[in-house]
């Protein structure tokens, strides 16, 4: 952080010299660094996505997928938020420079802006790496249905 034009840390010196290419400017003017998914952050992220995606599926008594939840239903959306809020914090914290206190005290618009930037920064990972794997898995499942 710079105070009266004085660089306080090595990271701040790098920011002054090179800028922060992957950062979000919040409504109070502060910046949050957003990070690409790494091998270190991948297990928690994949576990989180698996949990969220599984909660979007509707299964019968035998565990077979029979559809997906209605995302136009506000109750469904509120349930998803309530059920996945704490794990969402963990993912955001692992992929940003935010502390938990700072995240919890941020205005919601700033939180959404930060999450949107995280998605933009990592979209290729999801759309070009994960999505094709999911499509392959879906085709295998549809060819030989098993319990979900």
N, C-alpha and C. Protein backbone atom coordinates (compact mmCIF):
# COMPACT_ATOMS: atom_id res chain seq x y z
N UNK A 1 0.84 -1.17 0.00
CA UNK A 1 0.00 0.00 0.00
C UNK A 1 0.89 1.23 0.00
N UNK A 2 0.48 2.24 -0.71
CA UNK A 2 1.23 3.48 -0.72
C UNK A 2 0.61 4.44 0.29
N UNK A 3 1.46 5.03 1.08
CA UNK A 3 1.00 6.04 2.02
C UNK A 3 1.86 7.27 1.81
N UNK A 4 1.22 8.37 1.45
CA UNK A 4 1.96 9.59 1.13
C UNK A 4 3.01 9.33 0.04
N UNK A 5 2.66 8.48 -0.93
CA UNK A 5 3.56 8.20 -2.03
C UNK A 5 4.67 7.22 -1.72
N UNK A 6 4.68 6.64 -0.50
CA UNK A 6 5.73 5.72 -0.10
C UNK A 6 5.23 4.29 -0.25
N UNK A 7 5.97 3.45 -0.95
CA UNK A 7 5.62 2.05 -1.14
C UNK A 7 5.90 1.30 0.15
N UNK A 8 4.91 0.55 0.65
CA UNK A 8 5.03 -0.11 1.94
C UNK A 8 5.54 -1.55 1.85
N UNK A 9 5.23 -2.29 0.77
CA UNK A 9 5.63 -3.70 0.67
C UNK A 9 6.19 -3.98 -0.72
N UNK A 10 6.82 -5.15 -0.84
CA UNK A 10 7.36 -5.56 -2.15
C UNK A 10 6.23 -5.75 -3.15
N UNK A 11 5.10 -6.32 -2.70
CA UNK A 11 3.97 -6.49 -3.61
C UNK A 11 3.47 -5.15 -4.12
N UNK A 12 3.43 -4.15 -3.22
CA UNK A 12 3.00 -2.83 -3.64
C UNK A 12 3.99 -2.23 -4.63
N UNK A 13 5.29 -2.50 -4.44
CA UNK A 13 6.30 -2.00 -5.37
C UNK A 13 6.07 -2.59 -6.75
N UNK A 14 5.77 -3.88 -6.81
CA UNK A 14 5.49 -4.53 -8.09
C UNK A 14 4.25 -3.93 -8.73
N UNK A 15 3.25 -3.63 -7.91
CA UNK A 15 2.03 -3.03 -8.45
C UNK A 15 2.32 -1.65 -9.03
N UNK A 16 3.14 -0.88 -8.34
CA UNK A 16 3.49 0.45 -8.83
C UNK A 16 4.25 0.34 -10.15
N UNK A 17 5.18 -0.62 -10.24
CA UNK A 17 5.99 -0.76 -11.45
C UNK A 17 5.21 -1.36 -12.61
N UNK A 18 4.45 -2.40 -12.32
CA UNK A 18 3.82 -3.16 -13.40
C UNK A 18 2.31 -3.03 -13.46
N UNK A 19 1.69 -2.41 -12.47
CA UNK A 19 0.24 -2.34 -12.41
C UNK A 19 -0.30 -3.68 -11.93
N UNK A 20 -1.59 -3.75 -11.71
CA UNK A 20 -2.23 -5.00 -11.31
C UNK A 20 -3.19 -5.37 -12.43
N UNK A 21 -2.76 -6.26 -13.33
CA UNK A 21 -3.57 -6.55 -14.50
C UNK A 21 -4.90 -7.25 -14.18
N UNK A 22 -4.93 -8.02 -13.13
CA UNK A 22 -6.14 -8.76 -12.79
C UNK A 22 -6.67 -8.26 -11.46
N UNK A 23 -7.27 -7.09 -11.50
CA UNK A 23 -7.80 -6.48 -10.28
C UNK A 23 -9.15 -5.85 -10.56
N UNK A 24 -9.92 -5.74 -9.50
CA UNK A 24 -11.21 -5.09 -9.56
C UNK A 24 -11.12 -3.85 -8.69
N UNK A 25 -11.59 -2.73 -9.21
CA UNK A 25 -11.65 -1.52 -8.40
C UNK A 25 -13.04 -1.46 -7.77
N UNK A 26 -13.06 -1.39 -6.45
CA UNK A 26 -14.32 -1.38 -5.71
C UNK A 26 -14.89 0.03 -5.62
N UNK A 27 -16.11 0.13 -5.14
CA UNK A 27 -16.79 1.42 -5.08
C UNK A 27 -16.07 2.42 -4.18
N UNK A 28 -15.27 1.95 -3.22
CA UNK A 28 -14.53 2.87 -2.36
C UNK A 28 -13.16 3.23 -2.94
N UNK A 29 -12.86 2.74 -4.15
CA UNK A 29 -11.60 3.04 -4.82
C UNK A 29 -10.49 2.05 -4.55
N UNK A 30 -10.68 1.15 -3.59
CA UNK A 30 -9.66 0.14 -3.31
C UNK A 30 -9.68 -0.93 -4.39
N UNK A 31 -8.58 -1.69 -4.47
CA UNK A 31 -8.48 -2.75 -5.48
C UNK A 31 -8.43 -4.11 -4.83
N UNK A 32 -9.03 -5.07 -5.50
CA UNK A 32 -8.96 -6.47 -5.09
C UNK A 32 -8.30 -7.24 -6.22
N UNK A 33 -7.23 -7.94 -5.91
CA UNK A 33 -6.56 -8.77 -6.90
C UNK A 33 -7.37 -10.05 -7.07
N UNK A 34 -7.64 -10.40 -8.32
CA UNK A 34 -8.31 -11.67 -8.63
C UNK A 34 -7.30 -12.57 -9.32
N UNK A 35 -7.42 -13.86 -9.04
CA UNK A 35 -6.39 -14.81 -9.47
C UNK A 35 -6.96 -15.88 -10.39
N UNK A 36 -6.10 -16.41 -11.23
CA UNK A 36 -6.46 -17.57 -12.04
C UNK A 36 -6.46 -18.82 -11.17
N UNK A 37 -7.26 -19.78 -11.58
CA UNK A 37 -7.29 -21.07 -10.89
C UNK A 37 -5.91 -21.71 -11.01
N UNK A 38 -5.42 -22.25 -9.91
CA UNK A 38 -4.14 -22.94 -9.90
C UNK A 38 -4.35 -24.36 -9.39
N UNK A 39 -3.32 -25.14 -9.47
CA UNK A 39 -3.41 -26.51 -8.95
C UNK A 39 -3.76 -26.50 -7.47
N UNK A 40 -3.27 -25.50 -6.75
CA UNK A 40 -3.57 -25.39 -5.32
C UNK A 40 -5.06 -25.10 -5.08
N UNK A 41 -5.67 -24.26 -5.91
CA UNK A 41 -7.06 -23.89 -5.70
C UNK A 41 -8.04 -24.82 -6.40
N UNK A 42 -7.56 -25.65 -7.30
CA UNK A 42 -8.44 -26.52 -8.09
C UNK A 42 -9.28 -27.50 -7.26
N UNK A 43 -8.72 -28.25 -6.30
CA UNK A 43 -9.55 -29.22 -5.58
C UNK A 43 -10.77 -28.60 -4.88
N UNK A 44 -10.56 -27.49 -4.20
CA UNK A 44 -11.67 -26.83 -3.53
C UNK A 44 -12.70 -26.31 -4.51
N UNK A 45 -12.22 -25.78 -5.63
CA UNK A 45 -13.12 -25.25 -6.65
C UNK A 45 -13.93 -26.36 -7.30
N UNK A 46 -13.29 -27.46 -7.64
CA UNK A 46 -14.00 -28.58 -8.28
C UNK A 46 -15.03 -29.16 -7.31
N UNK A 47 -14.66 -29.30 -6.06
CA UNK A 47 -15.60 -29.81 -5.05
C UNK A 47 -16.80 -28.88 -4.92
N UNK A 48 -16.54 -27.59 -4.90
CA UNK A 48 -17.61 -26.59 -4.83
C UNK A 48 -18.53 -26.69 -6.04
N UNK A 49 -17.94 -26.72 -7.24
CA UNK A 49 -18.75 -26.79 -8.46
C UNK A 49 -19.56 -28.09 -8.51
N UNK A 50 -18.96 -29.19 -8.08
CA UNK A 50 -19.67 -30.46 -8.07
C UNK A 50 -20.88 -30.39 -7.14
N UNK A 51 -20.70 -29.80 -5.98
CA UNK A 51 -21.80 -29.67 -5.03
C UNK A 51 -22.91 -28.78 -5.59
N UNK A 52 -22.53 -27.65 -6.17
CA UNK A 52 -23.53 -26.74 -6.74
C UNK A 52 -24.26 -27.41 -7.90
N UNK A 53 -23.50 -28.02 -8.81
CA UNK A 53 -24.13 -28.67 -9.97
C UNK A 53 -25.05 -29.81 -9.54
N UNK A 54 -24.64 -30.58 -8.54
CA UNK A 54 -25.50 -31.66 -8.05
C UNK A 54 -26.79 -31.12 -7.45
N UNK A 55 -26.73 -29.95 -6.85
CA UNK A 55 -27.94 -29.37 -6.26
C UNK A 55 -28.90 -28.85 -7.33
N UNK A 56 -28.44 -28.77 -8.56
CA UNK A 56 -29.31 -28.33 -9.65
C UNK A 56 -30.06 -29.50 -10.29
N UNK A 57 -29.67 -30.73 -9.93
CA UNK A 57 -30.29 -31.91 -10.51
C UNK A 57 -31.49 -32.37 -9.68
N UNK A 58 -32.49 -32.88 -10.37
CA UNK A 58 -33.64 -33.49 -9.71
C UNK A 58 -33.56 -34.98 -9.98
N UNK A 59 -33.59 -35.77 -8.91
CA UNK A 59 -33.50 -37.23 -9.07
C UNK A 59 -34.75 -37.89 -8.50
N UNK A 60 -35.03 -39.09 -8.98
CA UNK A 60 -36.15 -39.85 -8.44
C UNK A 60 -35.70 -40.64 -7.22
N UNK A 61 -36.60 -41.46 -6.68
CA UNK A 61 -36.30 -42.23 -5.47
C UNK A 61 -35.14 -43.20 -5.65
N UNK A 62 -34.91 -43.65 -6.86
CA UNK A 62 -33.81 -44.57 -7.13
C UNK A 62 -32.49 -43.85 -7.42
N UNK A 63 -32.51 -42.53 -7.47
CA UNK A 63 -31.29 -41.77 -7.70
C UNK A 63 -31.04 -41.44 -9.16
N UNK A 64 -32.01 -41.72 -10.04
CA UNK A 64 -31.85 -41.40 -11.45
C UNK A 64 -32.21 -39.94 -11.70
N UNK A 65 -31.43 -39.27 -12.52
CA UNK A 65 -31.71 -37.88 -12.85
C UNK A 65 -32.97 -37.82 -13.70
N UNK A 66 -33.90 -36.97 -13.29
CA UNK A 66 -35.14 -36.81 -14.04
C UNK A 66 -35.33 -35.38 -14.54
N UNK A 67 -34.39 -34.50 -14.22
CA UNK A 67 -34.49 -33.12 -14.68
C UNK A 67 -33.58 -32.21 -13.87
N UNK A 68 -33.84 -30.93 -14.02
CA UNK A 68 -33.08 -29.92 -13.27
C UNK A 68 -34.06 -29.00 -12.55
N UNK A 69 -33.55 -28.28 -11.57
CA UNK A 69 -34.41 -27.38 -10.82
C UNK A 69 -34.82 -26.20 -11.69
N UNK A 70 -35.91 -25.56 -11.30
CA UNK A 70 -36.44 -24.41 -12.03
C UNK A 70 -35.71 -23.15 -11.58
N UNK A 71 -34.79 -22.67 -12.40
CA UNK A 71 -33.99 -21.49 -12.05
C UNK A 71 -34.78 -20.19 -12.19
N UNK A 72 -36.00 -20.26 -12.70
CA UNK A 72 -36.84 -19.06 -12.77
C UNK A 72 -37.64 -18.87 -11.49
N UNK A 73 -37.62 -19.87 -10.63
CA UNK A 73 -38.34 -19.83 -9.38
C UNK A 73 -37.48 -19.12 -8.33
N UNK A 74 -37.93 -17.96 -7.81
CA UNK A 74 -37.12 -17.24 -6.82
C UNK A 74 -36.81 -18.07 -5.57
N UNK A 75 -37.69 -18.95 -5.17
CA UNK A 75 -37.44 -19.80 -4.01
C UNK A 75 -36.26 -20.72 -4.27
N UNK A 76 -36.17 -21.25 -5.47
CA UNK A 76 -35.04 -22.10 -5.85
C UNK A 76 -33.73 -21.33 -5.75
N UNK A 77 -33.73 -20.13 -6.28
CA UNK A 77 -32.52 -19.31 -6.25
C UNK A 77 -32.13 -18.98 -4.82
N UNK A 78 -33.09 -18.61 -3.99
CA UNK A 78 -32.80 -18.31 -2.59
C UNK A 78 -32.27 -19.54 -1.85
N UNK A 79 -32.82 -20.71 -2.15
CA UNK A 79 -32.33 -21.95 -1.54
C UNK A 79 -30.89 -22.23 -1.96
N UNK A 80 -30.59 -22.03 -3.23
CA UNK A 80 -29.22 -22.24 -3.71
C UNK A 80 -28.25 -21.30 -3.01
N UNK A 81 -28.64 -20.04 -2.89
CA UNK A 81 -27.78 -19.07 -2.20
C UNK A 81 -27.57 -19.50 -0.75
N UNK A 82 -28.65 -19.82 -0.06
CA UNK A 82 -28.56 -20.20 1.35
C UNK A 82 -27.71 -21.45 1.54
N UNK A 83 -27.87 -22.42 0.66
CA UNK A 83 -27.16 -23.69 0.80
C UNK A 83 -25.68 -23.61 0.41
N UNK A 84 -25.32 -22.62 -0.38
CA UNK A 84 -23.95 -22.57 -0.91
C UNK A 84 -23.20 -21.28 -0.57
N UNK A 85 -23.72 -20.50 0.36
CA UNK A 85 -23.09 -19.22 0.67
C UNK A 85 -21.71 -19.38 1.31
N UNK A 86 -21.60 -20.19 2.33
CA UNK A 86 -20.30 -20.38 2.99
C UNK A 86 -19.25 -20.97 2.04
N UNK A 87 -19.58 -22.00 1.28
CA UNK A 87 -18.59 -22.51 0.32
C UNK A 87 -18.21 -21.47 -0.75
N UNK A 88 -19.15 -20.61 -1.11
CA UNK A 88 -18.85 -19.56 -2.07
C UNK A 88 -17.83 -18.60 -1.49
N UNK A 89 -17.96 -18.25 -0.21
CA UNK A 89 -16.96 -17.41 0.45
C UNK A 89 -15.58 -18.03 0.30
N UNK A 90 -15.49 -19.32 0.59
CA UNK A 90 -14.19 -20.00 0.54
C UNK A 90 -13.57 -19.92 -0.85
N UNK A 91 -14.38 -20.10 -1.88
CA UNK A 91 -13.87 -20.03 -3.25
C UNK A 91 -13.40 -18.61 -3.57
N UNK A 92 -14.22 -17.62 -3.23
CA UNK A 92 -13.85 -16.23 -3.51
C UNK A 92 -12.56 -15.87 -2.76
N UNK A 93 -12.46 -16.28 -1.50
CA UNK A 93 -11.26 -15.98 -0.71
C UNK A 93 -10.02 -16.65 -1.30
N UNK A 94 -10.18 -17.87 -1.84
CA UNK A 94 -9.02 -18.58 -2.39
C UNK A 94 -8.56 -17.99 -3.71
N UNK A 95 -9.42 -17.23 -4.38
CA UNK A 95 -9.08 -16.69 -5.69
C UNK A 95 -8.97 -15.17 -5.72
N UNK A 96 -8.89 -14.55 -4.55
CA UNK A 96 -8.73 -13.09 -4.49
C UNK A 96 -7.76 -12.73 -3.37
N UNK A 97 -7.47 -11.45 -3.29
CA UNK A 97 -6.63 -10.95 -2.21
C UNK A 97 -7.45 -10.53 -1.00
N UNK A 98 -8.74 -10.82 -1.00
CA UNK A 98 -9.62 -10.41 0.09
C UNK A 98 -9.38 -11.22 1.36
N UNK A 99 -9.57 -10.56 2.49
CA UNK A 99 -9.66 -11.27 3.76
C UNK A 99 -11.13 -11.59 3.99
N UNK A 100 -11.41 -12.51 4.88
CA UNK A 100 -12.81 -12.86 5.13
C UNK A 100 -13.59 -11.66 5.66
N UNK A 101 -13.00 -10.91 6.58
CA UNK A 101 -13.69 -9.73 7.12
C UNK A 101 -13.99 -8.72 6.03
N UNK A 102 -13.03 -8.48 5.15
CA UNK A 102 -13.24 -7.51 4.07
C UNK A 102 -14.36 -7.99 3.14
N UNK A 103 -14.36 -9.27 2.80
CA UNK A 103 -15.40 -9.82 1.94
C UNK A 103 -16.77 -9.65 2.58
N UNK A 104 -16.88 -10.02 3.84
CA UNK A 104 -18.18 -9.98 4.51
C UNK A 104 -18.69 -8.56 4.71
N UNK A 105 -17.79 -7.58 4.71
CA UNK A 105 -18.19 -6.18 4.90
C UNK A 105 -18.38 -5.42 3.59
N UNK A 106 -18.11 -6.07 2.46
CA UNK A 106 -18.23 -5.40 1.16
C UNK A 106 -19.68 -5.20 0.77
N UNK A 107 -19.99 -4.08 0.09
CA UNK A 107 -21.32 -3.93 -0.49
C UNK A 107 -21.56 -5.05 -1.51
N UNK A 108 -22.80 -5.50 -1.63
CA UNK A 108 -23.11 -6.62 -2.53
C UNK A 108 -22.74 -6.32 -3.98
N UNK A 109 -22.89 -5.07 -4.41
CA UNK A 109 -22.49 -4.73 -5.78
C UNK A 109 -21.00 -5.00 -6.00
N UNK A 110 -20.18 -4.70 -5.00
CA UNK A 110 -18.74 -4.96 -5.12
C UNK A 110 -18.46 -6.46 -5.13
N UNK A 111 -19.21 -7.22 -4.34
CA UNK A 111 -19.04 -8.68 -4.32
C UNK A 111 -19.37 -9.24 -5.70
N UNK A 112 -20.50 -8.81 -6.25
CA UNK A 112 -20.89 -9.30 -7.58
C UNK A 112 -19.89 -8.91 -8.65
N UNK A 113 -19.37 -7.69 -8.58
CA UNK A 113 -18.35 -7.24 -9.54
C UNK A 113 -17.10 -8.11 -9.43
N UNK A 114 -16.71 -8.43 -8.20
CA UNK A 114 -15.52 -9.26 -7.98
C UNK A 114 -15.74 -10.67 -8.52
N UNK A 115 -16.89 -11.26 -8.22
CA UNK A 115 -17.19 -12.61 -8.70
C UNK A 115 -17.27 -12.63 -10.22
N UNK A 116 -17.86 -11.60 -10.80
CA UNK A 116 -17.93 -11.52 -12.27
C UNK A 116 -16.53 -11.47 -12.88
N UNK A 117 -15.64 -10.70 -12.28
CA UNK A 117 -14.27 -10.62 -12.79
C UNK A 117 -13.54 -11.95 -12.63
N UNK A 118 -13.80 -12.65 -11.50
CA UNK A 118 -13.23 -13.99 -11.32
C UNK A 118 -13.68 -14.90 -12.45
N UNK A 119 -14.96 -14.85 -12.78
CA UNK A 119 -15.49 -15.69 -13.85
C UNK A 119 -14.82 -15.33 -15.17
N UNK A 120 -14.76 -14.03 -15.48
CA UNK A 120 -14.15 -13.60 -16.74
C UNK A 120 -12.71 -14.07 -16.84
N UNK A 121 -11.96 -13.94 -15.76
CA UNK A 121 -10.56 -14.32 -15.75
C UNK A 121 -10.37 -15.82 -15.94
N UNK A 122 -11.31 -16.59 -15.41
CA UNK A 122 -11.17 -18.05 -15.42
C UNK A 122 -12.14 -18.75 -16.37
N UNK A 123 -12.88 -18.00 -17.16
CA UNK A 123 -13.91 -18.59 -18.03
C UNK A 123 -13.35 -19.62 -18.99
N UNK A 124 -12.18 -19.34 -19.57
CA UNK A 124 -11.60 -20.29 -20.51
C UNK A 124 -11.35 -21.64 -19.84
N UNK A 125 -10.93 -21.59 -18.59
CA UNK A 125 -10.71 -22.84 -17.87
C UNK A 125 -12.00 -23.65 -17.80
N UNK A 126 -13.10 -22.98 -17.48
CA UNK A 126 -14.38 -23.67 -17.35
C UNK A 126 -14.95 -24.08 -18.69
N UNK A 127 -14.92 -23.16 -19.66
CA UNK A 127 -15.59 -23.43 -20.93
C UNK A 127 -14.76 -24.30 -21.88
N UNK A 128 -13.43 -24.18 -21.82
CA UNK A 128 -12.61 -24.94 -22.75
C UNK A 128 -12.00 -26.19 -22.15
N UNK A 129 -11.97 -26.27 -20.84
CA UNK A 129 -11.38 -27.45 -20.18
C UNK A 129 -12.44 -28.31 -19.50
N UNK A 130 -13.26 -27.69 -18.65
CA UNK A 130 -14.23 -28.44 -17.85
C UNK A 130 -15.47 -28.82 -18.67
N UNK A 131 -16.04 -27.88 -19.41
CA UNK A 131 -17.26 -28.16 -20.16
C UNK A 131 -17.13 -29.35 -21.10
N UNK A 132 -16.05 -29.46 -21.89
CA UNK A 132 -15.92 -30.64 -22.75
C UNK A 132 -15.88 -31.95 -21.95
N UNK A 133 -15.25 -31.92 -20.79
CA UNK A 133 -15.22 -33.12 -19.95
C UNK A 133 -16.62 -33.47 -19.47
N UNK A 134 -17.39 -32.45 -19.10
CA UNK A 134 -18.76 -32.69 -18.65
C UNK A 134 -19.63 -33.23 -19.79
N UNK A 135 -19.42 -32.69 -20.99
CA UNK A 135 -20.17 -33.17 -22.15
C UNK A 135 -19.85 -34.64 -22.43
N UNK A 136 -18.58 -35.01 -22.34
CA UNK A 136 -18.20 -36.41 -22.53
C UNK A 136 -18.83 -37.29 -21.47
N UNK A 137 -18.78 -36.84 -20.23
CA UNK A 137 -19.37 -37.62 -19.14
C UNK A 137 -20.88 -37.76 -19.33
N UNK A 138 -21.54 -36.69 -19.77
CA UNK A 138 -22.98 -36.75 -20.00
C UNK A 138 -23.32 -37.75 -21.10
N UNK A 139 -22.53 -37.78 -22.17
CA UNK A 139 -22.81 -38.72 -23.26
C UNK A 139 -22.62 -40.15 -22.80
N UNK A 140 -21.63 -40.40 -21.94
CA UNK A 140 -21.41 -41.75 -21.41
C UNK A 140 -22.58 -42.14 -20.52
N UNK A 141 -23.04 -41.22 -19.68
CA UNK A 141 -24.15 -41.50 -18.79
C UNK A 141 -25.43 -41.74 -19.57
N UNK A 142 -25.68 -40.94 -20.61
CA UNK A 142 -26.91 -41.11 -21.38
C UNK A 142 -26.91 -42.40 -22.19
N UNK A 143 -25.73 -42.90 -22.55
CA UNK A 143 -25.64 -44.16 -23.28
C UNK A 143 -25.87 -45.36 -22.37
N UNK A 144 -25.44 -45.27 -21.13
CA UNK A 144 -25.66 -46.35 -20.18
C UNK A 144 -26.09 -45.76 -18.84
N UNK A 145 -27.41 -45.49 -18.69
CA UNK A 145 -27.89 -44.84 -17.48
C UNK A 145 -27.59 -45.65 -16.22
N UNK A 146 -27.06 -44.94 -15.26
CA UNK A 146 -26.79 -45.50 -13.94
C UNK A 146 -27.32 -44.54 -12.90
N UNK A 147 -27.26 -44.93 -11.66
CA UNK A 147 -27.69 -44.04 -10.60
C UNK A 147 -26.79 -42.81 -10.55
N UNK A 148 -27.40 -41.66 -10.28
CA UNK A 148 -26.65 -40.40 -10.12
C UNK A 148 -26.19 -40.28 -8.70
